[in-house]
Amino acid sequence: MPTLTIQVTEKDIEDGQCRDTWTCPVCLALFRSTGFKFVVEQTTCYALVNRNAPIPLPPEAIKFIRAFDASGHGKPFEFQLEMP
């Protein structure tokens, strides 16, 4: 499986919405990196073009999402995502 490096930028964080599975910073970074719209849930994500193929998120992305949803703040980071 191909592995992508996803960079969540300061702009993703500024533009992202807390507790929104469509517009959180991780979603924005995934779209920017792949050109596909994603839905991000607590521990998985999936591209809208293939809703039947959830992709597990790595621990650092899960930690960021939980902290961002709780506070609305976060720092840029990157993570590796194994694509199906």
PDB file of N, CA and C in Angstrom:
ATOM      1  N   MET A   1       0.830  -1.184   0.000  1.00  0.00           N
ATOM      2  CA  MET A   1       0.000   0.000   0.000  1.00  0.00           C
ATOM      3  C   MET A   1       0.879   1.253   0.000  1.00  0.00           C
ATOM      4  N   PRO A   2       0.478   2.258  -0.768  1.00  0.00           N
ATOM      5  CA  PRO A   2       1.257   3.502  -0.743  1.00  0.00           C
ATOM      6  C   PRO A   2       1.063   4.256   0.572  1.00  0.00           C
ATOM      7  N   THR A   3       2.107   4.914   0.990  1.00  0.00           N
ATOM      8  CA  THR A   3       2.050   5.719   2.206  1.00  0.00           C
ATOM      9  C   THR A   3       2.235   7.181   1.822  1.00  0.00           C
ATOM     10  N   LEU A   4       1.346   8.028   2.320  1.00  0.00           N
ATOM     11  CA  LEU A   4       1.433   9.457   2.075  1.00  0.00           C
ATOM     12  C   LEU A   4       1.876  10.173   3.337  1.00  0.00           C
ATOM     13  N   THR A   5       2.664  11.222   3.166  1.00  0.00           N
ATOM     14  CA  THR A   5       2.987  12.110   4.279  1.00  0.00           C
ATOM     15  C   THR A   5       2.022  13.278   4.194  1.00  0.00           C
ATOM     16  N   ILE A   6       1.238  13.454   5.233  1.00  0.00           N
ATOM     17  CA  ILE A   6       0.235  14.509   5.297  1.00  0.00           C
ATOM     18  C   ILE A   6       0.741  15.581   6.258  1.00  0.00           C
ATOM     19  N   GLN A   7       0.803  16.815   5.784  1.00  0.00           N
ATOM     20  CA  GLN A   7       1.241  17.926   6.621  1.00  0.00           C
ATOM     21  C   GLN A   7       0.036  18.790   6.970  1.00  0.00           C
ATOM     22  N   VAL A   8      -0.229  18.892   8.259  1.00  0.00           N
ATOM     23  CA  VAL A   8      -1.285  19.780   8.760  1.00  0.00           C
ATOM     24  C   VAL A   8      -0.598  21.114   9.046  1.00  0.00           C
ATOM     25  N   THR A   9      -0.971  22.137   8.295  1.00  0.00           N
ATOM     26  CA  THR A   9      -0.308  23.435   8.369  1.00  0.00           C
ATOM     27  C   THR A   9      -1.031  24.392   9.312  1.00  0.00           C
ATOM     28  N   GLU A  10      -0.387  25.500   9.583  1.00  0.00           N
ATOM     29  CA  GLU A  10      -1.018  26.552  10.393  1.00  0.00           C
ATOM     30  C   GLU A  10      -2.313  27.026   9.726  1.00  0.00           C
ATOM     31  N   LYS A  11      -2.306  27.137   8.403  1.00  0.00           N
ATOM     32  CA  LYS A  11      -3.519  27.553   7.687  1.00  0.00           C
ATOM     33  C   LYS A  11      -4.632  26.531   7.845  1.00  0.00           C
ATOM     34  N   ASP A  12      -4.304  25.233   7.794  1.00  0.00           N
ATOM     35  CA  ASP A  12      -5.320  24.193   8.032  1.00  0.00           C
ATOM     36  C   ASP A  12      -5.939  24.375   9.410  1.00  0.00           C
ATOM     37  N   ILE A  13      -5.105  24.671  10.381  1.00  0.00           N
ATOM     38  CA  ILE A  13      -5.577  24.831  11.757  1.00  0.00           C
ATOM     39  C   ILE A  13      -6.442  26.085  11.880  1.00  0.00           C
ATOM     40  N   GLU A  14      -6.009  27.185  11.260  1.00  0.00           N
ATOM     41  CA  GLU A  14      -6.788  28.428  11.298  1.00  0.00           C
ATOM     42  C   GLU A  14      -8.141  28.268  10.605  1.00  0.00           C
ATOM     43  N   ASP A  15      -8.153  27.548   9.481  1.00  0.00           N
ATOM     44  CA  ASP A  15      -9.384  27.386   8.698  1.00  0.00           C
ATOM     45  C   ASP A  15     -10.261  26.241   9.192  1.00  0.00           C
ATOM     46  N   GLY A  16      -9.713  25.329  10.003  1.00  0.00           N
ATOM     47  CA  GLY A  16     -10.444  24.151  10.441  1.00  0.00           C
ATOM     48  C   GLY A  16     -11.492  24.464  11.495  1.00  0.00           C
ATOM     49  N   GLN A  17     -12.469  23.581  11.582  1.00  0.00           N
ATOM     50  CA  GLN A  17     -13.561  23.718  12.539  1.00  0.00           C
ATOM     51  C   GLN A  17     -13.507  22.581  13.562  1.00  0.00           C
ATOM     52  N   CYS A  18     -13.704  22.938  14.818  1.00  0.00           N
ATOM     53  CA  CYS A  18     -13.742  21.937  15.892  1.00  0.00           C
ATOM     54  C   CYS A  18     -14.951  21.026  15.716  1.00  0.00           C
ATOM     55  N   ARG A  19     -14.746  19.758  16.058  1.00  0.00           N
ATOM     56  CA  ARG A  19     -15.816  18.765  16.072  1.00  0.00           C
ATOM     57  C   ARG A  19     -16.620  18.717  14.772  1.00  0.00           C
ATOM     58  N   ASP A  20     -15.943  18.954  13.647  1.00  0.00           N
ATOM     59  CA  ASP A  20     -16.604  18.887  12.349  1.00  0.00           C
ATOM     60  C   ASP A  20     -15.869  17.857  11.492  1.00  0.00           C
ATOM     61  N   THR A  21     -16.536  16.768  11.191  1.00  0.00           N
ATOM     62  CA  THR A  21     -15.899  15.660  10.469  1.00  0.00           C
ATOM     63  C   THR A  21     -15.583  15.998   9.019  1.00  0.00           C
ATOM     64  N   TRP A  22     -16.100  17.117   8.511  1.00  0.00           N
ATOM     65  CA  TRP A  22     -15.878  17.514   7.119  1.00  0.00           C
ATOM     66  C   TRP A  22     -14.821  18.600   6.963  1.00  0.00           C
ATOM     67  N   THR A  23     -14.628  19.432   8.010  1.00  0.00           N
ATOM     68  CA  THR A  23     -13.745  20.591   7.848  1.00  0.00           C
ATOM     69  C   THR A  23     -12.727  20.741   8.972  1.00  0.00           C
ATOM     70  N   CYS A  24     -12.396  19.668   9.636  1.00  0.00           N
ATOM     71  CA  CYS A  24     -11.349  19.755  10.653  1.00  0.00           C
ATOM     72  C   CYS A  24     -10.003  19.962   9.944  1.00  0.00           C
ATOM     73  N   PRO A  25      -8.978  20.413  10.650  1.00  0.00           N
ATOM     74  CA  PRO A  25      -7.678  20.633  10.010  1.00  0.00           C
ATOM     75  C   PRO A  25      -7.123  19.399   9.295  1.00  0.00           C
ATOM     76  N   VAL A  26      -7.370  18.226   9.848  1.00  0.00           N
ATOM     77  CA  VAL A  26      -6.870  16.998   9.206  1.00  0.00           C
ATOM     78  C   VAL A  26      -7.584  16.778   7.870  1.00  0.00           C
ATOM     79  N   CYS A  27      -8.899  17.029   7.825  1.00  0.00           N
ATOM     80  CA  CYS A  27      -9.643  16.933   6.556  1.00  0.00           C
ATOM     81  C   CYS A  27      -9.070  17.882   5.515  1.00  0.00           C
ATOM     82  N   LEU A  28      -8.830  19.113   5.938  1.00  0.00           N
ATOM     83  CA  LEU A  28      -8.303  20.114   5.011  1.00  0.00           C
ATOM     84  C   LEU A  28      -6.935  19.694   4.474  1.00  0.00           C
ATOM     85  N   ALA A  29      -6.095  19.168   5.349  1.00  0.00           N
ATOM     86  CA  ALA A  29      -4.769  18.708   4.928  1.00  0.00           C
ATOM     87  C   ALA A  29      -4.873  17.516   3.985  1.00  0.00           C
ATOM     88  N   LEU A  30      -5.784  16.598   4.260  1.00  0.00           N
ATOM     89  CA  LEU A  30      -5.971  15.449   3.379  1.00  0.00           C
ATOM     90  C   LEU A  30      -6.428  15.888   1.991  1.00  0.00           C
ATOM     91  N   PHE A  31      -7.363  16.833   1.938  1.00  0.00           N
ATOM     92  CA  PHE A  31      -7.832  17.330   0.648  1.00  0.00           C
ATOM     93  C   PHE A  31      -6.697  17.999  -0.121  1.00  0.00           C
ATOM     94  N   ARG A  32      -5.945  18.836   0.562  1.00  0.00           N
ATOM     95  CA  ARG A  32      -4.838  19.540  -0.074  1.00  0.00           C
ATOM     96  C   ARG A  32      -3.791  18.560  -0.613  1.00  0.00           C
ATOM     97  N   SER A  33      -3.567  17.478   0.108  1.00  0.00           N
ATOM     98  CA  SER A  33      -2.541  16.505  -0.271  1.00  0.00           C
ATOM     99  C   SER A  33      -2.986  15.529  -1.352  1.00  0.00           C
ATOM    100  N   THR A  34      -4.286  15.234  -1.397  1.00  0.00           N
ATOM    101  CA  THR A  34      -4.761  14.188  -2.310  1.00  0.00           C
ATOM    102  C   THR A  34      -5.700  14.678  -3.398  1.00  0.00           C
ATOM    103  N   GLY A  35      -6.354  15.821  -3.171  1.00  0.00           N
ATOM    104  CA  GLY A  35      -7.370  16.285  -4.113  1.00  0.00           C
ATOM    105  C   GLY A  35      -8.724  15.645  -3.900  1.00  0.00           C
ATOM    106  N   PHE A  36      -8.845  14.791  -2.873  1.00  0.00           N
ATOM    107  CA  PHE A  36     -10.110  14.136  -2.553  1.00  0.00           C
ATOM    108  C   PHE A  36     -10.661  14.677  -1.240  1.00  0.00           C
ATOM    109  N   LYS A  37     -11.982  14.846  -1.184  1.00  0.00           N
ATOM    110  CA  LYS A  37     -12.640  15.223   0.061  1.00  0.00           C
ATOM    111  C   LYS A  37     -12.663  14.008   0.987  1.00  0.00           C
ATOM    112  N   PHE A  38     -12.337  14.236   2.263  1.00  0.00           N
ATOM    113  CA  PHE A  38     -12.327  13.182   3.270  1.00  0.00           C
ATOM    114  C   PHE A  38     -13.278  13.520   4.400  1.00  0.00           C
ATOM    115  N   VAL A  39     -13.755  12.496   5.054  1.00  0.00           N
ATOM    116  CA  VAL A  39     -14.461  12.614   6.318  1.00  0.00           C
ATOM    117  C   VAL A  39     -13.533  12.017   7.367  1.00  0.00           C
ATOM    118  N   VAL A  40     -13.327  12.752   8.444  1.00  0.00           N
ATOM    119  CA  VAL A  40     -12.468  12.274   9.526  1.00  0.00           C
ATOM    120  C   VAL A  40     -13.327  12.010  10.743  1.00  0.00           C
ATOM    121  N   GLU A  41     -13.243  10.788  11.242  1.00  0.00           N
ATOM    122  CA  GLU A  41     -13.955  10.424  12.462  1.00  0.00           C
ATOM    123  C   GLU A  41     -12.933  10.324  13.583  1.00  0.00           C
ATOM    124  N   GLN A  42     -13.272   9.761  14.685  1.00  0.00           N
ATOM    125  CA  GLN A  42     -12.377   9.728  15.847  1.00  0.00           C
ATOM    126  C   GLN A  42     -11.044   9.050  15.563  1.00  0.00           C
ATOM    127  N   THR A  43     -11.088   7.896  14.935  1.00  0.00           N
ATOM    128  CA  THR A  43      -9.861   7.121  14.735  1.00  0.00           C
ATOM    129  C   THR A  43      -9.642   6.683  13.289  1.00  0.00           C
ATOM    130  N   THR A  44     -10.557   7.065  12.404  1.00  0.00           N
ATOM    131  CA  THR A  44     -10.448   6.675  10.995  1.00  0.00           C
ATOM    132  C   THR A  44     -10.817   7.851  10.095  1.00  0.00           C
ATOM    133  N   CYS A  45     -10.525   7.681   8.819  1.00  0.00           N
ATOM    134  CA  CYS A  45     -10.975   8.635   7.816  1.00  0.00           C
ATOM    135  C   CYS A  45     -11.343   7.842   6.572  1.00  0.00           C
ATOM    136  N   TYR A  46     -12.098   8.466   5.694  1.00  0.00           N
ATOM    137  CA  TYR A  46     -12.371   7.838   4.412  1.00  0.00           C
ATOM    138  C   TYR A  46     -12.611   8.919   3.366  1.00  0.00           C
ATOM    139  N   ALA A  47     -12.208   8.614   2.156  1.00  0.00           N
ATOM    140  CA  ALA A  47     -12.448   9.516   1.027  1.00  0.00           C
ATOM    141  C   ALA A  47     -13.896   9.366   0.602  1.00  0.00           C
ATOM    142  N   LEU A  48     -14.529  10.469   0.246  1.00  0.00           N
ATOM    143  CA  LEU A  48     -15.923  10.398  -0.174  1.00  0.00           C
ATOM    144  C   LEU A  48     -16.119   9.539  -1.404  1.00  0.00           C
ATOM    145  N   VAL A  49     -15.072   9.373  -2.202  1.00  0.00           N
ATOM    146  CA  VAL A  49     -15.183   8.525  -3.393  1.00  0.00           C
ATOM    147  C   VAL A  49     -15.234   7.046  -3.031  1.00  0.00           C
ATOM    148  N   ASN A  50     -14.888   6.695  -1.779  1.00  0.00           N
ATOM    149  CA  ASN A  50     -14.905   5.289  -1.363  1.00  0.00           C
ATOM    150  C   ASN A  50     -15.252   5.196   0.122  1.00  0.00           C
ATOM    151  N   ARG A  51     -16.514   5.384   0.428  1.00  0.00           N
ATOM    152  CA  ARG A  51     -16.964   5.373   1.825  1.00  0.00           C
ATOM    153  C   ARG A  51     -16.845   4.006   2.490  1.00  0.00           C
ATOM    154  N   ASN A  52     -16.667   2.971   1.700  1.00  0.00           N
ATOM    155  CA  ASN A  52     -16.579   1.616   2.247  1.00  0.00           C
ATOM    156  C   ASN A  52     -15.162   1.207   2.584  1.00  0.00           C
ATOM    157  N   ALA A  53     -14.231   2.152   2.546  1.00  0.00           N
ATOM    158  CA  ALA A  53     -12.833   1.816   2.814  1.00  0.00           C
ATOM    159  C   ALA A  53     -12.260   2.756   3.881  1.00  0.00           C
ATOM    160  N   PRO A  54     -12.673   2.566   5.143  1.00  0.00           N
ATOM    161  CA  PRO A  54     -12.105   3.417   6.194  1.00  0.00           C
ATOM    162  C   PRO A  54     -10.605   3.166   6.345  1.00  0.00           C
ATOM    163  N   ILE A  55      -9.882   4.247   6.593  1.00  0.00           N
ATOM    164  CA  ILE A  55      -8.429   4.179   6.749  1.00  0.00           C
ATOM    165  C   ILE A  55      -8.098   4.530   8.189  1.00  0.00           C
ATOM    166  N   PRO A  56      -7.405   3.664   8.914  1.00  0.00           N
ATOM    167  CA  PRO A  56      -7.038   3.983  10.296  1.00  0.00           C
ATOM    168  C   PRO A  56      -6.102   5.186  10.351  1.00  0.00           C
ATOM    169  N   LEU A  57      -6.376   6.085  11.278  1.00  0.00           N
ATOM    170  CA  LEU A  57      -5.489   7.226  11.504  1.00  0.00           C
ATOM    171  C   LEU A  57      -4.391   6.835  12.475  1.00  0.00           C
ATOM    172  N   PRO A  58      -3.194   7.365  12.311  1.00  0.00           N
ATOM    173  CA  PRO A  58      -2.105   7.065  13.248  1.00  0.00           C
ATOM    174  C   PRO A  58      -2.327   7.799  14.578  1.00  0.00           C
ATOM    175  N   PRO A  59      -1.658   7.350  15.631  1.00  0.00           N
ATOM    176  CA  PRO A  59      -1.861   7.925  16.965  1.00  0.00           C
ATOM    177  C   PRO A  59      -1.670   9.443  17.030  1.00  0.00           C
ATOM    178  N   GLU A  60      -0.685   9.992  16.306  1.00  0.00           N
ATOM    179  CA  GLU A  60      -0.448  11.433  16.390  1.00  0.00           C
ATOM    180  C   GLU A  60      -1.606  12.234  15.793  1.00  0.00           C
ATOM    181  N   ALA A  61      -2.264  11.711  14.769  1.00  0.00           N
ATOM    182  CA  ALA A  61      -3.427  12.395  14.195  1.00  0.00           C
ATOM    183  C   ALA A  61      -4.614  12.313  15.153  1.00  0.00           C
ATOM    184  N   ILE A  62      -4.808  11.156  15.762  1.00  0.00           N
ATOM    185  CA  ILE A  62      -5.901  10.990  16.728  1.00  0.00           C
ATOM    186  C   ILE A  62      -5.704  11.934  17.909  1.00  0.00           C
ATOM    187  N   LYS A  63      -4.492  12.015  18.406  1.00  0.00           N
ATOM    188  CA  LYS A  63      -4.185  12.906  19.530  1.00  0.00           C
ATOM    189  C   LYS A  63      -4.456  14.364  19.154  1.00  0.00           C
ATOM    190  N   PHE A  64      -4.024  14.772  17.955  1.00  0.00           N
ATOM    191  CA  PHE A  64      -4.260  16.139  17.499  1.00  0.00           C
ATOM    192  C   PHE A  64      -5.758  16.428  17.421  1.00  0.00           C
ATOM    193  N   ILE A  65      -6.517  15.536  16.796  1.00  0.00           N
ATOM    194  CA  ILE A  65      -7.961  15.749  16.620  1.00  0.00           C
ATOM    195  C   ILE A  65      -8.647  15.912  17.978  1.00  0.00           C
ATOM    196  N   ARG A  66      -8.315  15.057  18.924  1.00  0.00           N
ATOM    197  CA  ARG A  66      -8.937  15.147  20.253  1.00  0.00           C
ATOM    198  C   ARG A  66      -8.598  16.468  20.935  1.00  0.00           C
ATOM    199  N   ALA A  67      -7.339  16.877  20.860  1.00  0.00           N
ATOM    200  CA  ALA A  67      -6.917  18.134  21.486  1.00  0.00           C
ATOM    201  C   ALA A  67      -7.545  19.329  20.777  1.00  0.00           C
ATOM    202  N   PHE A  68      -7.578  19.300  19.458  1.00  0.00           N
ATOM    203  CA  PHE A  68      -8.168  20.410  18.701  1.00  0.00           C
ATOM    204  C   PHE A  68      -9.660  20.523  18.977  1.00  0.00           C
ATOM    205  N   ASP A  69     -10.351  19.396  19.008  1.00  0.00           N
ATOM    206  CA  ASP A  69     -11.784  19.420  19.291  1.00  0.00           C
ATOM    207  C   ASP A  69     -12.079  19.961  20.690  1.00  0.00           C
ATOM    208  N   ALA A  70     -11.184  19.712  21.633  1.00  0.00           N
ATOM    209  CA  ALA A  70     -11.385  20.177  23.004  1.00  0.00           C
ATOM    210  C   ALA A  70     -11.047  21.658  23.176  1.00  0.00           C
ATOM    211  N   SER A  71     -10.071  22.147  22.404  1.00  0.00           N
ATOM    212  CA  SER A  71      -9.579  23.504  22.666  1.00  0.00           C
ATOM    213  C   SER A  71      -9.681  24.470  21.495  1.00  0.00           C
ATOM    214  N   GLY A  72      -9.765  23.951  20.283  1.00  0.00           N
ATOM    215  CA  GLY A  72      -9.739  24.807  19.099  1.00  0.00           C
ATOM    216  C   GLY A  72      -8.344  25.259  18.712  1.00  0.00           C
ATOM    217  N   HIS A  73      -7.342  24.687  19.374  1.00  0.00           N
ATOM    218  CA  HIS A  73      -5.954  25.075  19.118  1.00  0.00           C
ATOM    219  C   HIS A  73      -5.119  23.845  18.783  1.00  0.00           C
ATOM    220  N   GLY A  74      -4.024  24.076  18.107  1.00  0.00           N
ATOM    221  CA  GLY A  74      -3.090  23.005  17.789  1.00  0.00           C
ATOM    222  C   GLY A  74      -1.885  23.575  17.078  1.00  0.00           C
ATOM    223  N   LYS A  75      -0.878  22.772  16.955  1.00  0.00           N
ATOM    224  CA  LYS A  75       0.352  23.165  16.270  1.00  0.00           C
ATOM    225  C   LYS A  75       0.494  22.325  15.005  1.00  0.00           C
ATOM    226  N   PRO A  76       1.103  22.894  13.974  1.00  0.00           N
ATOM    227  CA  PRO A  76       1.329  22.123  12.744  1.00  0.00           C
ATOM    228  C   PRO A  76       2.099  20.826  13.041  1.00  0.00           C
ATOM    229  N   PHE A  77       1.775  19.810  12.289  1.00  0.00           N
ATOM    230  CA  PHE A  77       2.451  18.523  12.430  1.00  0.00           C
ATOM    231  C   PHE A  77       2.270  17.750  11.140  1.00  0.00           C
ATOM    232  N   GLU A  78       2.947  16.614  11.045  1.00  0.00           N
ATOM    233  CA  GLU A  78       2.754  15.742   9.895  1.00  0.00           C
ATOM    234  C   GLU A  78       2.592  14.312  10.374  1.00  0.00           C
ATOM    235  N   PHE A  79       1.957  13.524   9.524  1.00  0.00           N
ATOM    236  CA  PHE A  79       1.775  12.111   9.846  1.00  0.00           C
ATOM    237  C   PHE A  79       1.775  11.292   8.570  1.00  0.00           C
ATOM    238  N   GLN A  80       2.012  10.015   8.725  1.00  0.00           N
ATOM    239  CA  GLN A  80       2.014   9.077   7.614  1.00  0.00           C
ATOM    240  C   GLN A  80       0.654   8.373   7.571  1.00  0.00           C
ATOM    241  N   LEU A  81       0.108   8.279   6.372  1.00  0.00           N
ATOM    242  CA  LEU A  81      -1.181   7.616   6.207  1.00  0.00           C
ATOM    243  C   LEU A  81      -1.042   6.541   5.133  1.00  0.00           C
ATOM    244  N   GLU A  82      -1.357   5.311   5.502  1.00  0.00           N
ATOM    245  CA  GLU A  82      -1.317   4.198   4.544  1.00  0.00           C
ATOM    246  C   GLU A  82      -2.615   4.185   3.768  1.00  0.00           C
ATOM    247  N   MET A  83      -2.510   4.410   2.468  1.00  0.00           N
ATOM    248  CA  MET A  83      -3.679   4.439   1.597  1.00  0.00           C
ATOM    249  C   MET A  83      -3.991   3.023   1.108  1.00  0.00           C
ATOM    250  N   PRO A  84      -5.270   2.717   0.945  1.00  0.00           N
ATOM    251  CA  PRO A  84      -5.641   1.381   0.450  1.00  0.00           C
ATOM    252  C   PRO A  84      -5.306   1.208  -1.023  1.00  0.00           C
TER     253      PRO A  84
END
